C-alpha atoms as a PDB file:
ATOM      1  CA  MET A   1      -2.576  32.818   7.109  1.00  0.00           C
ATOM      2  CA  SER A   2      -2.000  29.074   7.340  1.00  0.00           C
ATOM      3  CA  LYS A   3      -3.121  26.623   4.695  1.00  0.00           C
ATOM      4  CA  SER A   4      -5.252  23.592   5.499  1.00  0.00           C
ATOM      5  CA  ILE A   5      -3.710  20.149   5.520  1.00  0.00           C
ATOM      6  CA  PRO A   6      -4.553  18.282   2.314  1.00  0.00           C
ATOM      7  CA  SER A   7      -6.335  14.948   2.294  1.00  0.00           C
ATOM      8  CA  ILE A   8      -4.653  11.713   1.372  1.00  0.00           C
ATOM      9  CA  SER A   9      -6.567  11.609  -1.916  1.00  0.00           C
ATOM     10  CA  LYS A  10      -4.318  14.356  -3.273  1.00  0.00           C
ATOM     11  CA  TYR A  11      -1.201  12.177  -2.974  1.00  0.00           C
ATOM     12  CA  MET A  12      -2.416   8.571  -3.177  1.00  0.00           C
ATOM     13  CA  THR A  13      -1.871   6.332  -6.156  1.00  0.00           C
ATOM     14  CA  THR A  14      -5.297   5.891  -7.716  1.00  0.00           C
ATOM     15  CA  ILE A  15      -6.488   2.623  -9.190  1.00  0.00           C
ATOM     16  CA  PRO A  16      -3.765   0.545  -7.526  1.00  0.00           C
ATOM     17  CA  THR A  17      -2.703  -2.819  -8.842  1.00  0.00           C
ATOM     18  CA  THR A  18      -4.262  -5.561  -6.709  1.00  0.00           C
ATOM     19  CA  ILE A  19      -3.947  -9.330  -6.592  1.00  0.00           C
ATOM     20  CA  GLU A  20      -6.351 -12.134  -5.808  1.00  0.00           C
ATOM     21  CA  ALA A  21      -5.739 -14.144  -2.641  1.00  0.00           C
ATOM     22  CA  GLY A  22      -5.489 -17.364  -4.649  1.00  0.00           C
ATOM     23  CA  ALA A  23      -2.615 -16.125  -6.802  1.00  0.00           C
ATOM     24  CA  THR A  24       0.840 -17.558  -6.145  1.00  0.00           C
ATOM     25  CA  LEU A  25       3.743 -15.719  -4.560  1.00  0.00           C
ATOM     26  CA  ALA A  26       5.549 -16.030  -7.887  1.00  0.00           C
ATOM     27  CA  ALA A  27       2.673 -14.220  -9.633  1.00  0.00           C
ATOM     28  CA  ALA A  28       2.699 -11.488  -6.985  1.00  0.00           C
ATOM     29  CA  ALA A  29       6.461 -11.030  -7.297  1.00  0.00           C
ATOM     30  CA  LYS A  30       6.180 -10.810 -11.094  1.00  0.00           C
ATOM     31  CA  SER A  31       3.358  -8.268 -10.864  1.00  0.00           C
ATOM     32  CA  MET A  32       5.383  -6.118  -8.473  1.00  0.00           C
ATOM     33  CA  LYS A  33       8.454  -6.308 -10.669  1.00  0.00           C
ATOM     34  CA  ASP A  34       6.504  -5.523 -13.856  1.00  0.00           C
ATOM     35  CA  GLN A  35       4.658  -2.590 -12.253  1.00  0.00           C
ATOM     36  CA  ARG A  36       7.705  -1.403 -10.282  1.00  0.00           C
ATOM     37  CA  ILE A  37       5.762  -1.401  -7.010  1.00  0.00           C
ATOM     38  CA  ARG A  38       6.301  -2.916  -3.554  1.00  0.00           C
ATOM     39  CA  HIS A  39       2.781  -3.389  -2.169  1.00  0.00           C
ATOM     40  CA  LEU A  40      -0.296  -5.210  -3.443  1.00  0.00           C
ATOM     41  CA  PRO A  41      -3.711  -5.077  -1.802  1.00  0.00           C
ATOM     42  CA  VAL A  42      -5.001  -8.663  -1.647  1.00  0.00           C
ATOM     43  CA  MET A  43      -8.577  -9.169  -2.808  1.00  0.00           C
ATOM     44  CA  ARG A  44     -11.218 -11.882  -2.962  1.00  0.00           C
ATOM     45  CA  ASP A  45     -14.328 -11.217  -5.031  1.00  0.00           C
ATOM     46  CA  GLY A  46     -13.771  -7.460  -4.847  1.00  0.00           C
ATOM     47  CA  GLU A  47     -13.281  -7.437  -1.064  1.00  0.00           C
ATOM     48  CA  LEU A  48     -10.025  -6.321   0.578  1.00  0.00           C
ATOM     49  CA  LEU A  49      -8.550  -9.174   2.614  1.00  0.00           C
ATOM     50  CA  GLY A  50      -5.034  -7.979   3.302  1.00  0.00           C
ATOM     51  CA  ILE A  51      -1.827  -6.661   1.808  1.00  0.00           C
ATOM     52  CA  ILE A  52       1.382  -8.271   0.672  1.00  0.00           C
ATOM     53  CA  SER A  53       4.676  -6.497   0.240  1.00  0.00           C
ATOM     54  CA  GLU A  54       7.872  -7.281  -1.561  1.00  0.00           C
ATOM     55  CA  ARG A  55       9.433  -7.777   1.879  1.00  0.00           C
ATOM     56  CA  ASP A  56       6.724 -10.270   2.893  1.00  0.00           C
ATOM     57  CA  ILE A  57       7.376 -12.315  -0.237  1.00  0.00           C
ATOM     58  CA  SER A  58      11.147 -12.293   0.283  1.00  0.00           C
ATOM     59  CA  PHE A  59      10.707 -13.405   3.895  1.00  0.00           C
ATOM     60  CA  VAL A  60       8.396 -16.302   3.065  1.00  0.00           C
ATOM     61  CA  GLU A  61      10.552 -17.380   0.120  1.00  0.00           C
ATOM     62  CA  SER A  62      13.616 -17.459   2.402  1.00  0.00           C
ATOM     63  CA  PHE A  63      12.367 -20.721   3.912  1.00  0.00           C
ATOM     64  CA  SER A  64      13.792 -23.643   1.957  1.00  0.00           C
ATOM     65  CA  ILE A  65      10.529 -25.598   2.111  1.00  0.00           C
ATOM     66  CA  VAL A  66       8.537 -22.832   0.385  1.00  0.00           C
ATOM     67  CA  ASP A  67       7.756 -23.149  -3.304  1.00  0.00           C
ATOM     68  CA  PRO A  68       6.677 -19.707  -4.625  1.00  0.00           C
ATOM     69  CA  LEU A  69       4.781 -21.481  -7.407  1.00  0.00           C
ATOM     70  CA  GLN A  70       2.639 -23.303  -4.838  1.00  0.00           C
ATOM     71  CA  VAL A  71       2.179 -20.907  -1.889  1.00  0.00           C
ATOM     72  CA  THR A  72      -0.680 -18.477  -2.337  1.00  0.00           C
ATOM     73  CA  VAL A  73      -0.726 -14.792  -1.567  1.00  0.00           C
ATOM     74  CA  GLY A  74      -3.579 -15.437   0.862  1.00  0.00           C
ATOM     75  CA  GLY A  75      -1.275 -17.656   2.903  1.00  0.00           C
ATOM     76  CA  ALA A  76       1.476 -15.052   3.141  1.00  0.00           C
ATOM     77  CA  MET A  77      -0.372 -11.722   3.283  1.00  0.00           C
ATOM     78  CA  VAL A  78      -0.774  -9.434   6.266  1.00  0.00           C
ATOM     79  CA  GLU A  79      -4.411  -9.490   7.289  1.00  0.00           C
ATOM     80  CA  LYS A  80      -6.225  -6.308   8.289  1.00  0.00           C
ATOM     81  CA  PRO A  81      -4.044  -3.754   6.508  1.00  0.00           C
ATOM     82  CA  TYR A  82      -4.026  -0.138   7.596  1.00  0.00           C
ATOM     83  CA  THR A  83      -6.949   1.478   5.770  1.00  0.00           C
ATOM     84  CA  VAL A  84      -8.116   5.064   5.528  1.00  0.00           C
ATOM     85  CA  GLY A  85     -10.797   6.990   3.673  1.00  0.00           C
ATOM     86  CA  PRO A  86      -9.851   9.322   0.825  1.00  0.00           C
ATOM     87  CA  ASP A  87     -10.726  12.383   2.916  1.00  0.00           C
ATOM     88  CA  THR A  88      -8.380  11.470   5.777  1.00  0.00           C
ATOM     89  CA  ALA A  89      -5.864  14.239   6.462  1.00  0.00           C
ATOM     90  CA  LEU A  90      -2.333  13.638   5.201  1.00  0.00           C
ATOM     91  CA  ASP A  91      -0.755  14.373   8.585  1.00  0.00           C
ATOM     92  CA  GLU A  92      -2.938  11.766  10.306  1.00  0.00           C
ATOM     93  CA  VAL A  93      -1.978   9.076   7.793  1.00  0.00           C
ATOM     94  CA  VAL A  94       1.769   9.739   7.840  1.00  0.00           C
ATOM     95  CA  ALA A  95       1.814   9.939  11.644  1.00  0.00           C
ATOM     96  CA  MET A  96       0.116   6.531  11.905  1.00  0.00           C
ATOM     97  CA  MET A  97       2.415   5.038   9.261  1.00  0.00           C
ATOM     98  CA  ALA A  98       5.483   6.333  11.099  1.00  0.00           C
ATOM     99  CA  GLU A  99       4.261   5.244  14.527  1.00  0.00           C
ATOM    100  CA  HIS A 100       3.461   1.694  13.438  1.00  0.00           C
ATOM    101  CA  LYS A 101       6.120   1.429  10.710  1.00  0.00           C
ATOM    102  CA  TYR A 102       3.521   0.731   8.032  1.00  0.00           C
ATOM    103  CA  GLY A 103       4.840   0.810   4.472  1.00  0.00           C
ATOM    104  CA  SER A 104       1.453   1.724   3.052  1.00  0.00           C
ATOM    105  CA  ALA A 105      -2.137   2.699   3.694  1.00  0.00           C
ATOM    106  CA  VAL A 106      -4.910   1.240   1.555  1.00  0.00           C
ATOM    107  CA  VAL A 107      -7.487   3.892   0.680  1.00  0.00           C
ATOM    108  CA  VAL A 108     -11.033   2.521   0.831  1.00  0.00           C
ATOM    109  CA  GLN A 109     -14.337   4.182  -0.005  1.00  0.00           C
ATOM    110  CA  ASN A 110     -17.714   2.409   0.168  1.00  0.00           C
ATOM    111  CA  LYS A 111     -15.875  -0.894   0.788  1.00  0.00           C
ATOM    112  CA  ARG A 112     -13.929  -0.475  -2.485  1.00  0.00           C
ATOM    113  CA  VAL A 113     -10.177   0.005  -2.809  1.00  0.00           C
ATOM    114  CA  VAL A 114      -9.768   3.388  -4.498  1.00  0.00           C
ATOM    115  CA  GLY A 115      -6.088   4.015  -3.865  1.00  0.00           C
ATOM    116  CA  ILE A 116      -2.915   3.232  -2.028  1.00  0.00           C
ATOM    117  CA  PHE A 117      -0.560   5.601  -0.237  1.00  0.00           C
ATOM    118  CA  THR A 118       2.999   4.345   0.211  1.00  0.00           C
ATOM    119  CA  THR A 119       6.194   5.731   1.668  1.00  0.00           C
ATOM    120  CA  VAL A 120       7.161   6.777  -1.875  1.00  0.00           C
ATOM    121  CA  ASP A 121       3.922   8.795  -2.092  1.00  0.00           C
ATOM    122  CA  ALA A 122       4.766  10.304   1.309  1.00  0.00           C
ATOM    123  CA  CYS A 123       8.150  11.428  -0.012  1.00  0.00           C
ATOM    124  CA  ARG A 124       6.468  12.999  -3.043  1.00  0.00           C
ATOM    125  CA  ALA A 125       4.004  14.799  -0.779  1.00  0.00           C
ATOM    126  CA  LEU A 126       6.802  16.062   1.451  1.00  0.00           C
ATOM    127  CA  SER A 127       8.764  17.278  -1.553  1.00  0.00           C
ATOM    128  CA  GLU A 128       5.769  19.139  -2.962  1.00  0.00           C
ATOM    129  CA  LEU A 129       4.814  20.659   0.374  1.00  0.00           C
ATOM    130  CA  LEU A 130       8.374  21.802   1.070  1.00  0.00           C
ATOM    131  CA  SER A 131       8.781  23.347  -2.351  1.00  0.00           C
ATOM    132  CA  THR A 132       5.388  25.073  -2.498  1.00  0.00           C
ATOM    133  CA  ARG A 133       4.607  26.017   1.089  1.00  0.00           C
ATOM    134  CA  LEU A 134       7.949  26.653   2.698  1.00  0.00           C
ATOM    135  CA  LYS A 135       9.971  28.192  -0.121  1.00  0.00           C
ATOM    136  CA  SER A 136      10.779  31.818   0.490  1.00  0.00           C
END
């Protein structure tokens, strides 16, 4: 008898740290460092606008004319992040992330960010599934 594929809600990080679009890159970098995370959903008045990653910040800051205390997250974020609902099947999410090389999926329900699923969460899910479902 095979087991059903779990939904993303089982493995996502709930109540993710977010950042406002008007915040500076320096503030985003500090938040990521303090929280030990690599992705921040970007918000404006409770609405998801985009996502910014540690890699995005490093890239933008690599330009000599960029002042991370002046440039806003809204100016450096990736618009239209990959979003899924909490009931989306895990295999569907990881397949899409792998195909498009996404580092995360923002989990949205009723237009509210309720979680984030990152490659670290995917590794945790894989580890759990291998140890519980495939162990002899």
